[in-house]
N, C-alpha and C. Protein backbone atom coordinates (compact mmCIF):
# COMPACT_ATOMS: atom_id res chain seq x y z
N MET A 1 106.21 120.12 142.83
CA MET A 1 105.86 119.98 141.43
C MET A 1 107.08 120.29 140.57
N ARG A 2 107.35 119.42 139.62
CA ARG A 2 108.50 119.55 138.74
C ARG A 2 108.17 120.48 137.57
N THR A 3 109.04 121.42 137.27
CA THR A 3 108.84 122.33 136.14
C THR A 3 109.42 121.70 134.89
N LEU A 4 108.63 121.66 133.82
CA LEU A 4 109.08 121.12 132.54
C LEU A 4 109.34 122.26 131.58
N TYR A 5 110.39 122.15 130.81
CA TYR A 5 110.74 123.19 129.85
C TYR A 5 110.63 122.63 128.45
N MET A 6 110.24 123.50 127.52
CA MET A 6 110.15 123.13 126.12
C MET A 6 111.56 123.01 125.55
N LYS A 7 111.82 121.93 124.85
CA LYS A 7 113.12 121.69 124.24
C LYS A 7 113.25 122.54 122.96
N CYS A 8 114.38 123.17 122.79
CA CYS A 8 114.65 123.98 121.60
C CYS A 8 114.68 123.07 120.37
N ILE A 9 114.01 123.51 119.30
CA ILE A 9 113.97 122.69 118.08
C ILE A 9 115.27 122.79 117.29
N PHE A 10 116.12 123.74 117.64
CA PHE A 10 117.38 123.92 116.91
C PHE A 10 118.55 123.23 117.59
N CYS A 11 118.69 123.42 118.91
CA CYS A 11 119.87 122.88 119.60
C CYS A 11 119.52 121.82 120.65
N ALA A 12 118.24 121.57 120.86
CA ALA A 12 117.73 120.54 121.78
C ALA A 12 117.96 120.83 123.26
N HIS A 13 118.40 122.02 123.60
CA HIS A 13 118.54 122.36 125.01
C HIS A 13 117.17 122.70 125.60
N HIS A 14 117.05 122.52 126.90
CA HIS A 14 115.79 122.78 127.59
C HIS A 14 115.75 124.20 128.16
N ASN A 15 116.68 125.02 127.76
CA ASN A 15 116.80 126.37 128.27
C ASN A 15 116.01 127.35 127.38
N THR A 16 114.66 127.22 127.35
CA THR A 16 113.84 128.11 126.54
C THR A 16 112.89 128.90 127.43
N GLU A 17 112.48 130.06 126.92
CA GLU A 17 111.52 130.87 127.66
C GLU A 17 110.48 131.43 126.69
N VAL A 18 109.32 131.72 127.21
CA VAL A 18 108.24 132.29 126.40
C VAL A 18 108.49 133.78 126.27
N ALA A 19 108.61 134.26 125.03
CA ALA A 19 108.84 135.67 124.77
C ALA A 19 107.52 136.40 124.56
N GLU A 20 106.53 135.70 124.00
CA GLU A 20 105.26 136.35 123.69
C GLU A 20 104.17 135.28 123.62
N THR A 21 102.98 135.60 124.11
CA THR A 21 101.83 134.70 124.05
C THR A 21 100.66 135.43 123.43
N ARG A 22 100.01 134.75 122.47
CA ARG A 22 98.83 135.33 121.82
C ARG A 22 97.76 134.26 121.69
N VAL A 23 96.52 134.70 121.74
CA VAL A 23 95.39 133.80 121.50
C VAL A 23 95.11 133.84 120.00
N ALA A 24 94.86 132.66 119.42
CA ALA A 24 94.61 132.56 117.98
C ALA A 24 93.35 131.73 117.72
N ASP A 25 92.90 131.76 116.49
CA ASP A 25 91.78 130.94 116.02
C ASP A 25 90.55 131.09 116.92
N ASN A 26 90.13 132.33 117.11
CA ASN A 26 88.94 132.64 117.92
C ASN A 26 89.01 132.11 119.34
N GLY A 27 90.18 132.13 119.92
CA GLY A 27 90.34 131.74 121.31
C GLY A 27 90.48 130.25 121.55
N THR A 28 90.63 129.46 120.50
CA THR A 28 90.75 128.01 120.67
C THR A 28 92.21 127.55 120.69
N ILE A 29 93.12 128.44 120.34
CA ILE A 29 94.54 128.09 120.28
C ILE A 29 95.36 129.18 120.97
N VAL A 30 96.39 128.76 121.70
CA VAL A 30 97.35 129.70 122.28
C VAL A 30 98.65 129.56 121.50
N ARG A 31 99.11 130.66 120.95
CA ARG A 31 100.35 130.70 120.16
C ARG A 31 101.43 131.30 121.05
N ARG A 32 102.55 130.59 121.18
CA ARG A 32 103.65 131.08 122.02
C ARG A 32 104.92 131.22 121.19
N ARG A 33 105.52 132.39 121.26
CA ARG A 33 106.82 132.63 120.65
C ARG A 33 107.84 132.34 121.72
N ARG A 34 108.78 131.45 121.44
CA ARG A 34 109.78 131.04 122.43
C ARG A 34 111.17 131.43 121.95
N ARG A 35 112.06 131.59 122.94
CA ARG A 35 113.45 131.94 122.64
C ARG A 35 114.34 130.99 123.43
N CYS A 36 115.31 130.44 122.75
CA CYS A 36 116.26 129.54 123.40
C CYS A 36 117.35 130.38 124.08
N GLY A 37 117.61 130.07 125.35
CA GLY A 37 118.64 130.78 126.10
C GLY A 37 120.04 130.34 125.72
N THR A 38 120.17 129.21 125.03
CA THR A 38 121.47 128.69 124.66
C THR A 38 121.90 129.17 123.27
N CYS A 39 121.07 128.89 122.24
CA CYS A 39 121.45 129.27 120.87
C CYS A 39 120.82 130.60 120.44
N LEU A 40 119.91 131.13 121.26
CA LEU A 40 119.24 132.42 121.05
C LEU A 40 118.26 132.45 119.86
N LYS A 41 117.99 131.30 119.28
CA LYS A 41 117.02 131.26 118.16
C LYS A 41 115.60 131.25 118.72
N ARG A 42 114.67 131.68 117.85
CA ARG A 42 113.27 131.76 118.24
C ARG A 42 112.45 130.72 117.47
N PHE A 43 111.39 130.24 118.08
CA PHE A 43 110.47 129.32 117.42
C PHE A 43 109.08 129.48 118.02
N THR A 44 108.10 128.95 117.35
CA THR A 44 106.70 129.11 117.76
C THR A 44 106.11 127.76 118.12
N THR A 45 105.33 127.74 119.20
CA THR A 45 104.58 126.54 119.58
C THR A 45 103.10 126.92 119.65
N TYR A 46 102.25 125.92 119.50
CA TYR A 46 100.81 126.12 119.57
C TYR A 46 100.23 125.17 120.61
N GLU A 47 99.30 125.69 121.37
CA GLU A 47 98.65 124.90 122.42
C GLU A 47 97.16 124.90 122.11
N ARG A 48 96.57 123.71 122.03
CA ARG A 48 95.13 123.61 121.78
C ARG A 48 94.54 122.48 122.62
N VAL A 49 93.27 122.56 122.86
CA VAL A 49 92.59 121.55 123.65
C VAL A 49 92.50 120.27 122.82
N GLU A 50 92.86 119.17 123.44
CA GLU A 50 92.75 117.89 122.77
C GLU A 50 91.34 117.36 122.99
N ARG A 51 90.62 117.21 121.91
CA ARG A 51 89.23 116.76 122.00
C ARG A 51 89.15 115.26 121.69
N LEU A 52 88.21 114.63 122.35
CA LEU A 52 87.94 113.23 122.03
C LEU A 52 87.24 113.19 120.68
N PRO A 53 87.50 112.16 119.90
CA PRO A 53 86.79 112.07 118.62
C PRO A 53 85.31 111.82 118.88
N ILE A 54 84.47 112.37 118.02
CA ILE A 54 83.04 112.13 118.13
C ILE A 54 82.74 110.81 117.41
N ILE A 55 82.07 109.93 118.12
CA ILE A 55 81.71 108.63 117.57
C ILE A 55 80.21 108.61 117.28
N VAL A 56 79.85 108.23 116.06
CA VAL A 56 78.45 108.13 115.66
C VAL A 56 78.02 106.68 115.82
N VAL A 57 76.94 106.47 116.57
CA VAL A 57 76.37 105.13 116.76
C VAL A 57 75.28 104.96 115.71
N LYS A 58 75.50 104.03 114.78
CA LYS A 58 74.58 103.80 113.68
C LYS A 58 73.36 103.00 114.15
N ARG A 59 72.36 102.89 113.30
CA ARG A 59 71.14 102.15 113.63
C ARG A 59 71.43 100.70 114.01
N ASP A 60 72.39 100.11 113.31
CA ASP A 60 72.72 98.69 113.57
C ASP A 60 73.76 98.53 114.68
N THR A 61 73.97 99.57 115.45
CA THR A 61 74.90 99.65 116.60
C THR A 61 76.39 99.72 116.22
N ARG A 62 76.69 99.73 114.91
CA ARG A 62 78.08 99.95 114.52
C ARG A 62 78.48 101.35 114.94
N ARG A 63 79.75 101.55 115.14
CA ARG A 63 80.27 102.86 115.52
C ARG A 63 81.32 103.31 114.51
N GLU A 64 81.26 104.61 114.18
CA GLU A 64 82.27 105.17 113.28
C GLU A 64 82.53 106.62 113.68
N ARG A 65 83.69 107.10 113.31
CA ARG A 65 84.05 108.50 113.63
C ARG A 65 83.15 109.45 112.86
N PHE A 66 82.81 110.55 113.51
CA PHE A 66 82.04 111.60 112.84
C PHE A 66 82.86 112.15 111.70
N ASP A 67 82.23 112.30 110.55
CA ASP A 67 82.91 112.78 109.35
C ASP A 67 82.09 113.94 108.77
N ARG A 68 82.60 115.14 108.93
CA ARG A 68 81.88 116.33 108.46
C ARG A 68 81.66 116.28 106.95
N ASP A 69 82.63 115.76 106.20
CA ASP A 69 82.47 115.67 104.75
C ASP A 69 81.32 114.74 104.38
N LYS A 70 81.19 113.64 105.09
CA LYS A 70 80.09 112.70 104.85
C LYS A 70 78.75 113.38 105.15
N LEU A 71 78.72 114.15 106.23
CA LEU A 71 77.52 114.91 106.59
C LEU A 71 77.15 115.87 105.47
N LYS A 72 78.13 116.62 104.96
CA LYS A 72 77.86 117.58 103.89
C LYS A 72 77.40 116.89 102.61
N LYS A 73 77.98 115.74 102.29
CA LYS A 73 77.58 115.00 101.09
C LYS A 73 76.12 114.59 101.17
N GLY A 74 75.69 114.13 102.35
CA GLY A 74 74.30 113.73 102.53
C GLY A 74 73.35 114.91 102.37
N ILE A 75 73.71 116.03 102.94
CA ILE A 75 72.88 117.23 102.82
C ILE A 75 72.87 117.70 101.37
N LEU A 76 74.04 117.69 100.73
CA LEU A 76 74.16 118.12 99.34
C LEU A 76 73.29 117.27 98.42
N LYS A 77 73.27 115.98 98.67
CA LYS A 77 72.46 115.06 97.87
C LYS A 77 70.98 115.43 97.95
N SER A 78 70.52 115.76 99.15
CA SER A 78 69.13 116.15 99.34
C SER A 78 68.80 117.49 98.70
N CYS A 79 69.81 118.32 98.54
CA CYS A 79 69.60 119.69 98.05
C CYS A 79 69.86 119.84 96.56
N GLU A 80 70.18 118.74 95.87
CA GLU A 80 70.44 118.84 94.43
C GLU A 80 69.21 119.40 93.72
N LYS A 81 69.44 120.29 92.77
CA LYS A 81 68.39 120.91 91.96
C LYS A 81 67.36 121.66 92.79
N THR A 82 67.80 122.23 93.90
CA THR A 82 66.94 123.10 94.71
C THR A 82 67.62 124.47 94.80
N SER A 83 67.00 125.38 95.50
CA SER A 83 67.55 126.73 95.64
C SER A 83 68.54 126.84 96.80
N VAL A 84 68.83 125.74 97.47
CA VAL A 84 69.74 125.76 98.62
C VAL A 84 71.17 125.96 98.11
N SER A 85 71.84 127.00 98.62
CA SER A 85 73.20 127.31 98.18
C SER A 85 74.22 126.46 98.93
N PHE A 86 75.43 126.40 98.37
CA PHE A 86 76.50 125.66 99.02
C PHE A 86 76.85 126.31 100.37
N GLU A 87 76.74 127.64 100.44
CA GLU A 87 77.00 128.34 101.70
C GLU A 87 76.01 127.92 102.78
N GLN A 88 74.73 127.73 102.39
CA GLN A 88 73.72 127.27 103.34
C GLN A 88 74.02 125.85 103.81
N ILE A 89 74.46 125.01 102.88
CA ILE A 89 74.81 123.63 103.23
C ILE A 89 75.99 123.63 104.19
N GLU A 90 76.98 124.45 103.90
CA GLU A 90 78.16 124.57 104.77
C GLU A 90 77.74 125.05 106.16
N LYS A 91 76.83 126.01 106.22
CA LYS A 91 76.35 126.55 107.50
C LYS A 91 75.59 125.47 108.29
N ILE A 92 74.76 124.69 107.61
CA ILE A 92 74.05 123.59 108.28
C ILE A 92 75.05 122.62 108.89
N ALA A 93 76.04 122.21 108.10
CA ALA A 93 77.05 121.26 108.59
C ALA A 93 77.82 121.83 109.77
N GLU A 94 78.17 123.11 109.68
CA GLU A 94 78.90 123.77 110.77
C GLU A 94 78.05 123.82 112.05
N ASP A 95 76.78 124.20 111.89
CA ASP A 95 75.88 124.28 113.05
C ASP A 95 75.69 122.91 113.70
N ILE A 96 75.51 121.89 112.89
CA ILE A 96 75.30 120.55 113.43
C ILE A 96 76.55 120.05 114.14
N GLU A 97 77.72 120.28 113.54
CA GLU A 97 78.96 119.87 114.19
C GLU A 97 79.13 120.58 115.53
N THR A 98 78.80 121.86 115.57
CA THR A 98 78.88 122.63 116.83
C THR A 98 77.92 122.05 117.86
N ASP A 99 76.69 121.75 117.44
CA ASP A 99 75.70 121.17 118.35
C ASP A 99 76.18 119.83 118.91
N ILE A 100 76.76 119.02 118.04
CA ILE A 100 77.23 117.69 118.46
C ILE A 100 78.37 117.82 119.47
N LYS A 101 79.28 118.75 119.22
CA LYS A 101 80.43 118.92 120.12
C LYS A 101 80.02 119.44 121.49
N GLN A 102 78.85 120.06 121.57
CA GLN A 102 78.39 120.58 122.85
C GLN A 102 77.67 119.52 123.68
N GLU A 103 77.45 118.35 123.11
CA GLU A 103 76.82 117.26 123.86
C GLU A 103 77.78 116.78 124.95
N ASP A 104 77.22 116.19 125.99
CA ASP A 104 78.02 115.70 127.11
C ASP A 104 78.81 114.44 126.76
N SER A 105 78.32 113.68 125.82
CA SER A 105 78.93 112.40 125.49
C SER A 105 79.79 112.51 124.23
N ALA A 106 80.79 111.64 124.13
CA ALA A 106 81.63 111.58 122.94
C ALA A 106 80.96 110.71 121.87
N GLU A 107 79.86 110.05 122.23
CA GLU A 107 79.11 109.23 121.28
C GLU A 107 77.76 109.88 121.03
N ILE A 108 77.32 109.83 119.78
CA ILE A 108 76.02 110.41 119.42
C ILE A 108 75.30 109.47 118.48
N GLU A 109 74.01 109.33 118.70
CA GLU A 109 73.18 108.46 117.85
C GLU A 109 73.01 109.11 116.48
N SER A 110 73.07 108.30 115.43
CA SER A 110 72.87 108.82 114.08
C SER A 110 71.47 109.40 113.93
N ASN A 111 70.49 108.88 114.68
CA ASN A 111 69.12 109.41 114.63
C ASN A 111 69.09 110.88 115.03
N LEU A 112 69.86 111.24 116.04
CA LEU A 112 69.89 112.63 116.50
C LEU A 112 70.48 113.53 115.42
N ILE A 113 71.53 113.08 114.77
CA ILE A 113 72.13 113.86 113.68
C ILE A 113 71.11 114.04 112.57
N GLY A 114 70.42 112.97 112.21
CA GLY A 114 69.39 113.05 111.17
C GLY A 114 68.28 114.01 111.54
N SER A 115 67.86 114.00 112.79
CA SER A 115 66.81 114.92 113.23
C SER A 115 67.27 116.37 113.13
N LEU A 116 68.52 116.62 113.51
CA LEU A 116 69.07 117.98 113.42
C LEU A 116 69.10 118.46 111.97
N ILE A 117 69.54 117.59 111.08
CA ILE A 117 69.58 117.94 109.65
C ILE A 117 68.17 118.23 109.16
N GLY A 118 67.22 117.35 109.51
CA GLY A 118 65.83 117.53 109.08
C GLY A 118 65.25 118.86 109.54
N GLN A 119 65.50 119.22 110.79
CA GLN A 119 64.99 120.49 111.33
C GLN A 119 65.53 121.68 110.54
N LYS A 120 66.81 121.63 110.22
CA LYS A 120 67.43 122.75 109.50
C LYS A 120 66.93 122.82 108.06
N LEU A 121 66.83 121.65 107.39
CA LEU A 121 66.37 121.65 106.01
C LEU A 121 64.90 122.08 105.90
N LYS A 122 64.10 121.70 106.87
CA LYS A 122 62.67 122.05 106.86
C LYS A 122 62.49 123.56 106.83
N LYS A 123 63.38 124.29 107.52
CA LYS A 123 63.29 125.75 107.58
C LYS A 123 63.76 126.40 106.28
N ILE A 124 64.66 125.72 105.55
CA ILE A 124 65.29 126.33 104.37
C ILE A 124 64.57 125.96 103.08
N ASP A 125 64.29 124.66 102.89
CA ASP A 125 63.72 124.21 101.62
C ASP A 125 62.91 122.93 101.85
N LYS A 126 61.64 122.99 101.56
CA LYS A 126 60.73 121.85 101.82
C LYS A 126 61.06 120.64 100.95
N ILE A 127 61.43 120.87 99.70
CA ILE A 127 61.78 119.76 98.80
C ILE A 127 63.02 119.03 99.31
N ALA A 128 64.05 119.79 99.67
CA ALA A 128 65.27 119.18 100.21
C ALA A 128 64.94 118.40 101.48
N TYR A 129 64.06 118.96 102.30
CA TYR A 129 63.66 118.26 103.53
C TYR A 129 62.98 116.94 103.21
N ILE A 130 62.02 116.93 102.27
CA ILE A 130 61.31 115.69 101.92
C ILE A 130 62.28 114.66 101.36
N ARG A 131 63.21 115.09 100.52
CA ARG A 131 64.21 114.16 99.97
C ARG A 131 65.03 113.54 101.11
N PHE A 132 65.47 114.40 102.02
CA PHE A 132 66.26 113.90 103.14
C PHE A 132 65.43 112.95 104.01
N ALA A 133 64.21 113.36 104.34
CA ALA A 133 63.34 112.56 105.20
C ALA A 133 63.04 111.21 104.58
N SER A 134 62.90 111.16 103.25
CA SER A 134 62.58 109.88 102.59
C SER A 134 63.68 108.85 102.80
N VAL A 135 64.91 109.30 102.87
CA VAL A 135 66.03 108.38 103.11
C VAL A 135 66.20 108.15 104.61
N PHE A 136 66.19 109.23 105.38
CA PHE A 136 66.42 109.14 106.82
C PHE A 136 65.34 108.31 107.51
N ARG A 137 64.09 108.53 107.13
CA ARG A 137 62.99 107.81 107.77
C ARG A 137 62.62 106.53 107.03
N ARG A 138 63.35 106.26 105.96
CA ARG A 138 63.16 105.02 105.19
C ARG A 138 61.72 104.86 104.70
N PHE A 139 61.26 105.87 103.95
CA PHE A 139 59.92 105.76 103.37
C PHE A 139 59.89 104.57 102.43
N VAL A 140 58.84 103.77 102.52
CA VAL A 140 58.75 102.57 101.67
C VAL A 140 57.63 102.66 100.65
N ASP A 141 56.67 103.56 100.87
CA ASP A 141 55.60 103.70 99.89
C ASP A 141 55.08 105.14 99.87
N VAL A 142 54.14 105.38 98.95
CA VAL A 142 53.62 106.72 98.74
C VAL A 142 52.92 107.26 99.99
N GLU A 143 52.31 106.40 100.76
CA GLU A 143 51.62 106.83 101.98
C GLU A 143 52.58 107.51 102.97
N ASP A 144 53.79 107.00 103.04
CA ASP A 144 54.79 107.62 103.92
C ASP A 144 55.07 109.06 103.48
N PHE A 145 55.17 109.27 102.16
CA PHE A 145 55.38 110.62 101.64
C PHE A 145 54.17 111.50 101.96
N GLU A 146 52.98 110.98 101.77
CA GLU A 146 51.75 111.75 102.03
C GLU A 146 51.68 112.21 103.48
N ILE A 147 52.00 111.31 104.39
CA ILE A 147 51.96 111.65 105.82
C ILE A 147 52.93 112.79 106.12
N GLU A 148 54.14 112.70 105.58
CA GLU A 148 55.14 113.73 105.83
C GLU A 148 54.75 115.05 105.17
N LEU A 149 54.18 114.98 103.94
CA LEU A 149 53.75 116.19 103.26
C LEU A 149 52.62 116.90 104.02
N LYS A 150 51.72 116.13 104.60
CA LYS A 150 50.62 116.72 105.37
C LYS A 150 51.16 117.43 106.60
N LYS A 151 52.20 116.90 107.19
CA LYS A 151 52.83 117.57 108.34
C LYS A 151 53.42 118.92 107.93
N LEU A 152 53.99 118.98 106.71
CA LEU A 152 54.59 120.21 106.22
C LEU A 152 53.54 121.27 105.91
N LEU A 153 52.39 120.83 105.39
CA LEU A 153 51.35 121.77 104.97
C LEU A 153 50.49 122.09 106.13
């Protein structure tokens, strides 16, 4: 097995060594302080796991990258003029992103994301949940609202 050395960012020599290693960002990043054996300058490198992008499969089978900001905007829209705080919205988005990243596949159906959002909103605020469900489930008439309201009550 061939040993590879980190190239010095100052003099470009491959004569560097790790002087110190620390775990950062809650254990998701390894920070290494390096020292060049040639010019004696120090520099820092970071090592992190390269994750595959999460792909959302839409209802019409289109695929797009998961966008946390888009997720938050949708939740925020449902929560307008309710008692749901921005911190709660942020927590919902964080929890859902964590749940999605724990899935075995790099692709996730938009229906699953919608169901996760609905479950979380139902526990926090019924009005926000109904607003979200009306868009997510594509309510077309008052009967659809009545059915969902009866489930809540």
